[in-house]
Amino acid sequence: MSITVNGKTIEHIKKETISDLLKRMHYTFPLIIVKINGKLIKKKDYNETVILDKSEVKVIHLISGG
């Protein structure tokens, strides 16, 4: 059982939420958006959204500049 995170295949952990995955992958940047199978997930839903086996997850760091 596995999921893909930003193109890298990693172990799928049953009942793992987006928040859990971000901690496991050490994503700490404050401005992050997450898509699962192309669907944008709202930040308020990170603690409740469980990642299913074989999902494709994209974690995108938002960086402002000028």
PDB file of N, CA and C in Angstrom:
ATOM      1  N   MET A   1       0.844  -1.171   0.000  1.00  0.00           N
ATOM      2  CA  MET A   1       0.000   0.000   0.000  1.00  0.00           C
ATOM      3  C   MET A   1       0.895   1.241   0.000  1.00  0.00           C
ATOM      4  N   SER A   2       0.564   2.177  -0.880  1.00  0.00           N
ATOM      5  CA  SER A   2       1.405   3.364  -1.002  1.00  0.00           C
ATOM      6  C   SER A   2       0.588   4.554  -1.505  1.00  0.00           C
ATOM      7  N   ILE A   3       1.172   5.729  -1.317  1.00  0.00           N
ATOM      8  CA  ILE A   3       0.647   6.974  -1.873  1.00  0.00           C
ATOM      9  C   ILE A   3       1.808   7.685  -2.560  1.00  0.00           C
ATOM     10  N   THR A   4       1.466   8.655  -3.390  1.00  0.00           N
ATOM     11  CA  THR A   4       2.493   9.454  -4.055  1.00  0.00           C
ATOM     12  C   THR A   4       2.409  10.874  -3.510  1.00  0.00           C
ATOM     13  N   VAL A   5       3.535  11.393  -3.040  1.00  0.00           N
ATOM     14  CA  VAL A   5       3.604  12.761  -2.531  1.00  0.00           C
ATOM     15  C   VAL A   5       4.631  13.512  -3.370  1.00  0.00           C
ATOM     16  N   ASN A   6       4.160  14.495  -4.123  1.00  0.00           N
ATOM     17  CA  ASN A   6       5.031  15.285  -5.000  1.00  0.00           C
ATOM     18  C   ASN A   6       5.911  14.398  -5.885  1.00  0.00           C
ATOM     19  N   GLY A   7       5.289  13.345  -6.425  1.00  0.00           N
ATOM     20  CA  GLY A   7       5.986  12.468  -7.356  1.00  0.00           C
ATOM     21  C   GLY A   7       6.795  11.353  -6.722  1.00  0.00           C
ATOM     22  N   LYS A   8       6.867  11.315  -5.395  1.00  0.00           N
ATOM     23  CA  LYS A   8       7.640  10.290  -4.691  1.00  0.00           C
ATOM     24  C   LYS A   8       6.676   9.296  -4.041  1.00  0.00           C
ATOM     25  N   THR A   9       6.891   8.012  -4.275  1.00  0.00           N
ATOM     26  CA  THR A   9       6.051   6.977  -3.683  1.00  0.00           C
ATOM     27  C   THR A   9       6.510   6.709  -2.254  1.00  0.00           C
ATOM     28  N   ILE A  10       5.545   6.782  -1.317  1.00  0.00           N
ATOM     29  CA  ILE A  10       5.844   6.516   0.092  1.00  0.00           C
ATOM     30  C   ILE A  10       4.789   5.558   0.642  1.00  0.00           C
ATOM     31  N   GLU A  11       5.062   5.030   1.813  1.00  0.00           N
ATOM     32  CA  GLU A  11       4.156   4.099   2.467  1.00  0.00           C
ATOM     33  C   GLU A  11       2.838   4.783   2.826  1.00  0.00           C
ATOM     34  N   HIS A  12       1.733   4.091   2.575  1.00  0.00           N
ATOM     35  CA  HIS A  12       0.419   4.563   2.996  1.00  0.00           C
ATOM     36  C   HIS A  12       0.190   4.108   4.430  1.00  0.00           C
ATOM     37  N   ILE A  13      -0.232   5.016   5.284  1.00  0.00           N
ATOM     38  CA  ILE A  13      -0.554   4.682   6.665  1.00  0.00           C
ATOM     39  C   ILE A  13      -2.060   4.828   6.831  1.00  0.00           C
ATOM     40  N   LYS A  14      -2.698   3.757   7.229  1.00  0.00           N
ATOM     41  CA  LYS A  14      -4.155   3.724   7.371  1.00  0.00           C
ATOM     42  C   LYS A  14      -4.613   4.822   8.331  1.00  0.00           C
ATOM     43  N   LYS A  15      -5.650   5.537   7.945  1.00  0.00           N
ATOM     44  CA  LYS A  15      -6.290   6.606   8.720  1.00  0.00           C
ATOM     45  C   LYS A  15      -5.398   7.830   8.927  1.00  0.00           C
ATOM     46  N   GLU A  16      -4.351   7.975   8.115  1.00  0.00           N
ATOM     47  CA  GLU A  16      -3.477   9.151   8.214  1.00  0.00           C
ATOM     48  C   GLU A  16      -4.184  10.356   7.589  1.00  0.00           C
ATOM     49  N   THR A  17      -4.216  11.464   8.321  1.00  0.00           N
ATOM     50  CA  THR A  17      -4.814  12.692   7.811  1.00  0.00           C
ATOM     51  C   THR A  17      -3.752  13.539   7.114  1.00  0.00           C
ATOM     52  N   ILE A  18      -4.198  14.591   6.470  1.00  0.00           N
ATOM     53  CA  ILE A  18      -3.246  15.509   5.836  1.00  0.00           C
ATOM     54  C   ILE A  18      -2.309  16.095   6.888  1.00  0.00           C
ATOM     55  N   SER A  19      -2.844  16.503   8.023  1.00  0.00           N
ATOM     56  CA  SER A  19      -1.992  17.054   9.086  1.00  0.00           C
ATOM     57  C   SER A  19      -0.934  16.050   9.521  1.00  0.00           C
ATOM     58  N   ASP A  20      -1.330  14.784   9.675  1.00  0.00           N
ATOM     59  CA  ASP A  20      -0.379  13.731  10.049  1.00  0.00           C
ATOM     60  C   ASP A  20       0.714  13.577   8.998  1.00  0.00           C
ATOM     61  N   LEU A  21       0.313  13.575   7.729  1.00  0.00           N
ATOM     62  CA  LEU A  21       1.283  13.426   6.647  1.00  0.00           C
ATOM     63  C   LEU A  21       2.261  14.595   6.615  1.00  0.00           C
ATOM     64  N   LEU A  22       1.756  15.810   6.784  1.00  0.00           N
ATOM     65  CA  LEU A  22       2.639  16.984   6.774  1.00  0.00           C
ATOM     66  C   LEU A  22       3.669  16.887   7.890  1.00  0.00           C
ATOM     67  N   LYS A  23       3.266  16.397   9.061  1.00  0.00           N
ATOM     68  CA  LYS A  23       4.210  16.212  10.171  1.00  0.00           C
ATOM     69  C   LYS A  23       5.231  15.129   9.822  1.00  0.00           C
ATOM     70  N   ARG A  24       4.744  14.016   9.291  1.00  0.00           N
ATOM     71  CA  ARG A  24       5.636  12.899   8.948  1.00  0.00           C
ATOM     72  C   ARG A  24       6.671  13.299   7.904  1.00  0.00           C
ATOM     73  N   MET A  25       6.266  14.123   6.937  1.00  0.00           N
ATOM     74  CA  MET A  25       7.152  14.547   5.854  1.00  0.00           C
ATOM     75  C   MET A  25       7.944  15.812   6.199  1.00  0.00           C
ATOM     76  N   HIS A  26       7.752  16.318   7.412  1.00  0.00           N
ATOM     77  CA  HIS A  26       8.466  17.506   7.905  1.00  0.00           C
ATOM     78  C   HIS A  26       8.169  18.759   7.089  1.00  0.00           C
ATOM     79  N   TYR A  27       6.925  18.910   6.636  1.00  0.00           N
ATOM     80  CA  TYR A  27       6.505  20.136   5.966  1.00  0.00           C
ATOM     81  C   TYR A  27       6.075  21.118   7.048  1.00  0.00           C
ATOM     82  N   THR A  28       6.868  22.152   7.268  1.00  0.00           N
ATOM     83  CA  THR A  28       6.574  23.113   8.333  1.00  0.00           C
ATOM     84  C   THR A  28       6.357  24.527   7.807  1.00  0.00           C
ATOM     85  N   PHE A  29       6.536  24.726   6.511  1.00  0.00           N
ATOM     86  CA  PHE A  29       6.359  26.052   5.927  1.00  0.00           C
ATOM     87  C   PHE A  29       4.933  26.522   6.193  1.00  0.00           C
ATOM     88  N   PRO A  30       4.729  27.764   6.644  1.00  0.00           N
ATOM     89  CA  PRO A  30       3.384  28.213   7.030  1.00  0.00           C
ATOM     90  C   PRO A  30       2.391  28.363   5.878  1.00  0.00           C
ATOM     91  N   LEU A  31       2.873  28.619   4.672  1.00  0.00           N
ATOM     92  CA  LEU A  31       1.966  28.814   3.538  1.00  0.00           C
ATOM     93  C   LEU A  31       2.047  27.605   2.601  1.00  0.00           C
ATOM     94  N   ILE A  32       1.152  26.647   2.830  1.00  0.00           N
ATOM     95  CA  ILE A  32       1.130  25.406   2.061  1.00  0.00           C
ATOM     96  C   ILE A  32      -0.286  25.178   1.566  1.00  0.00           C
ATOM     97  N   ILE A  33      -0.405  24.685   0.335  1.00  0.00           N
ATOM     98  CA  ILE A  33      -1.689  24.170  -0.119  1.00  0.00           C
ATOM     99  C   ILE A  33      -1.508  22.699  -0.462  1.00  0.00           C
ATOM    100  N   VAL A  34      -2.586  21.942  -0.305  1.00  0.00           N
ATOM    101  CA  VAL A  34      -2.533  20.510  -0.541  1.00  0.00           C
ATOM    102  C   VAL A  34      -3.645  20.121  -1.504  1.00  0.00           C
ATOM    103  N   LYS A  35      -3.277  19.297  -2.487  1.00  0.00           N
ATOM    104  CA  LYS A  35      -4.247  18.707  -3.407  1.00  0.00           C
ATOM    105  C   LYS A  35      -4.155  17.195  -3.284  1.00  0.00           C
ATOM    106  N   ILE A  36      -5.306  16.546  -3.275  1.00  0.00           N
ATOM    107  CA  ILE A  36      -5.357  15.092  -3.303  1.00  0.00           C
ATOM    108  C   ILE A  36      -6.115  14.692  -4.557  1.00  0.00           C
ATOM    109  N   ASN A  37      -5.442  13.953  -5.413  1.00  0.00           N
ATOM    110  CA  ASN A  37      -6.026  13.524  -6.690  1.00  0.00           C
ATOM    111  C   ASN A  37      -6.611  14.700  -7.462  1.00  0.00           C
ATOM    112  N   GLY A  38      -5.894  15.822  -7.425  1.00  0.00           N
ATOM    113  CA  GLY A  38      -6.284  17.005  -8.178  1.00  0.00           C
ATOM    114  C   GLY A  38      -7.287  17.908  -7.478  1.00  0.00           C
ATOM    115  N   LYS A  39      -7.801  17.496  -6.322  1.00  0.00           N
ATOM    116  CA  LYS A  39      -8.798  18.293  -5.598  1.00  0.00           C
ATOM    117  C   LYS A  39      -8.123  19.094  -4.488  1.00  0.00           C
ATOM    118  N   LEU A  40      -8.319  20.413  -4.522  1.00  0.00           N
ATOM    119  CA  LEU A  40      -7.761  21.290  -3.494  1.00  0.00           C
ATOM    120  C   LEU A  40      -8.480  21.049  -2.177  1.00  0.00           C
ATOM    121  N   ILE A  41      -7.719  20.849  -1.112  1.00  0.00           N
ATOM    122  CA  ILE A  41      -8.276  20.617   0.209  1.00  0.00           C
ATOM    123  C   ILE A  41      -8.110  21.895   1.034  1.00  0.00           C
ATOM    124  N   LYS A  42      -9.186  22.336   1.667  1.00  0.00           N
ATOM    125  CA  LYS A  42      -9.120  23.545   2.491  1.00  0.00           C
ATOM    126  C   LYS A  42      -8.309  23.274   3.754  1.00  0.00           C
ATOM    127  N   LYS A  43      -7.549  24.262   4.170  1.00  0.00           N
ATOM    128  CA  LYS A  43      -6.669  24.106   5.333  1.00  0.00           C
ATOM    129  C   LYS A  43      -7.450  23.696   6.578  1.00  0.00           C
ATOM    130  N   LYS A  44      -8.663  24.211   6.718  1.00  0.00           N
ATOM    131  CA  LYS A  44      -9.475  23.874   7.900  1.00  0.00           C
ATOM    132  C   LYS A  44      -9.850  22.395   7.944  1.00  0.00           C
ATOM    133  N   ASP A  45      -9.707  21.697   6.811  1.00  0.00           N
ATOM    134  CA  ASP A  45     -10.058  20.284   6.735  1.00  0.00           C
ATOM    135  C   ASP A  45      -8.863  19.342   6.860  1.00  0.00           C
ATOM    136  N   TYR A  46      -7.660  19.865   7.060  1.00  0.00           N
ATOM    137  CA  TYR A  46      -6.458  19.027   7.109  1.00  0.00           C
ATOM    138  C   TYR A  46      -6.514  17.989   8.239  1.00  0.00           C
ATOM    139  N   ASN A  47      -7.099  18.351   9.386  1.00  0.00           N
ATOM    140  CA  ASN A  47      -7.140  17.424  10.523  1.00  0.00           C
ATOM    141  C   ASN A  47      -8.153  16.296  10.333  1.00  0.00           C
ATOM    142  N   GLU A  48      -9.138  16.490   9.463  1.00  0.00           N
ATOM    143  CA  GLU A  48     -10.187  15.498   9.279  1.00  0.00           C
ATOM    144  C   GLU A  48     -10.073  14.706   7.973  1.00  0.00           C
ATOM    145  N   THR A  49      -9.303  15.205   7.009  1.00  0.00           N
ATOM    146  CA  THR A  49      -9.230  14.561   5.697  1.00  0.00           C
ATOM    147  C   THR A  49      -8.231  13.412   5.723  1.00  0.00           C
ATOM    148  N   VAL A  50      -8.768  12.189   5.594  1.00  0.00           N
ATOM    149  CA  VAL A  50      -7.937  10.987   5.596  1.00  0.00           C
ATOM    150  C   VAL A  50      -7.465  10.717   4.169  1.00  0.00           C
ATOM    151  N   ILE A  51      -6.196  10.366   4.032  1.00  0.00           N
ATOM    152  CA  ILE A  51      -5.606  10.077   2.728  1.00  0.00           C
ATOM    153  C   ILE A  51      -5.777   8.591   2.443  1.00  0.00           C
ATOM    154  N   LEU A  52      -6.416   8.282   1.334  1.00  0.00           N
ATOM    155  CA  LEU A  52      -6.674   6.899   0.963  1.00  0.00           C
ATOM    156  C   LEU A  52      -5.495   6.292   0.214  1.00  0.00           C
ATOM    157  N   ASP A  53      -5.404   4.967   0.264  1.00  0.00           N
ATOM    158  CA  ASP A  53      -4.364   4.241  -0.450  1.00  0.00           C
ATOM    159  C   ASP A  53      -4.392   4.596  -1.934  1.00  0.00           C
ATOM    160  N   LYS A  54      -3.233   4.698  -2.535  1.00  0.00           N
ATOM    161  CA  LYS A  54      -3.028   4.995  -3.955  1.00  0.00           C
ATOM    162  C   LYS A  54      -3.394   6.430  -4.338  1.00  0.00           C
ATOM    163  N   SER A  55      -3.528   7.312  -3.351  1.00  0.00           N
ATOM    164  CA  SER A  55      -3.813   8.716  -3.645  1.00  0.00           C
ATOM    165  C   SER A  55      -2.564   9.416  -4.151  1.00  0.00           C
ATOM    166  N   GLU A  56      -2.793  10.444  -4.963  1.00  0.00           N
ATOM    167  CA  GLU A  56      -1.715  11.310  -5.416  1.00  0.00           C
ATOM    168  C   GLU A  56      -1.855  12.632  -4.676  1.00  0.00           C
ATOM    169  N   VAL A  57      -0.858  12.939  -3.853  1.00  0.00           N
ATOM    170  CA  VAL A  57      -0.880  14.140  -3.022  1.00  0.00           C
ATOM    171  C   VAL A  57       0.135  15.129  -3.563  1.00  0.00           C
ATOM    172  N   LYS A  58      -0.286  16.368  -3.681  1.00  0.00           N
ATOM    173  CA  LYS A  58       0.636  17.448  -4.057  1.00  0.00           C
ATOM    174  C   LYS A  58       0.659  18.443  -2.912  1.00  0.00           C
ATOM    175  N   VAL A  59       1.850  18.716  -2.403  1.00  0.00           N
ATOM    176  CA  VAL A  59       2.053  19.714  -1.359  1.00  0.00           C
ATOM    177  C   VAL A  59       2.822  20.851  -2.003  1.00  0.00           C
ATOM    178  N   ILE A  60       2.221  22.018  -2.008  1.00  0.00           N
ATOM    179  CA  ILE A  60       2.801  23.157  -2.704  1.00  0.00           C
ATOM    180  C   ILE A  60       3.083  24.270  -1.712  1.00  0.00           C
ATOM    181  N   HIS A  61       4.338  24.706  -1.668  1.00  0.00           N
ATOM    182  CA  HIS A  61       4.745  25.832  -0.832  1.00  0.00           C
ATOM    183  C   HIS A  61       4.437  27.121  -1.582  1.00  0.00           C
ATOM    184  N   LEU A  62       3.726  28.019  -0.939  1.00  0.00           N
ATOM    185  CA  LEU A  62       3.450  29.325  -1.538  1.00  0.00           C
ATOM    186  C   LEU A  62       4.514  30.305  -1.055  1.00  0.00           C
ATOM    187  N   ILE A  63       5.153  30.949  -1.995  1.00  0.00           N
ATOM    188  CA  ILE A  63       6.231  31.893  -1.672  1.00  0.00           C
ATOM    189  C   ILE A  63       5.915  33.216  -2.345  1.00  0.00           C
ATOM    190  N   SER A  64       5.947  34.274  -1.561  1.00  0.00           N
ATOM    191  CA  SER A  64       5.724  35.597  -2.156  1.00  0.00           C
ATOM    192  C   SER A  64       7.080  36.238  -2.431  1.00  0.00           C
ATOM    193  N   GLY A  65       7.082  37.105  -3.369  1.00  0.00           N
ATOM    194  CA  GLY A  65       8.330  37.772  -3.710  1.00  0.00           C
ATOM    195  C   GLY A  65       8.037  39.072  -4.419  1.00  0.00           C
ATOM    196  N   GLY A  66       9.060  39.758  -4.734  1.00  0.00           N
ATOM    197  CA  GLY A  66       8.822  41.020  -5.405  1.00  0.00           C
ATOM    198  C   GLY A  66      10.063  41.612  -5.956  1.00  0.00           C
TER     199      GLY A  66
END
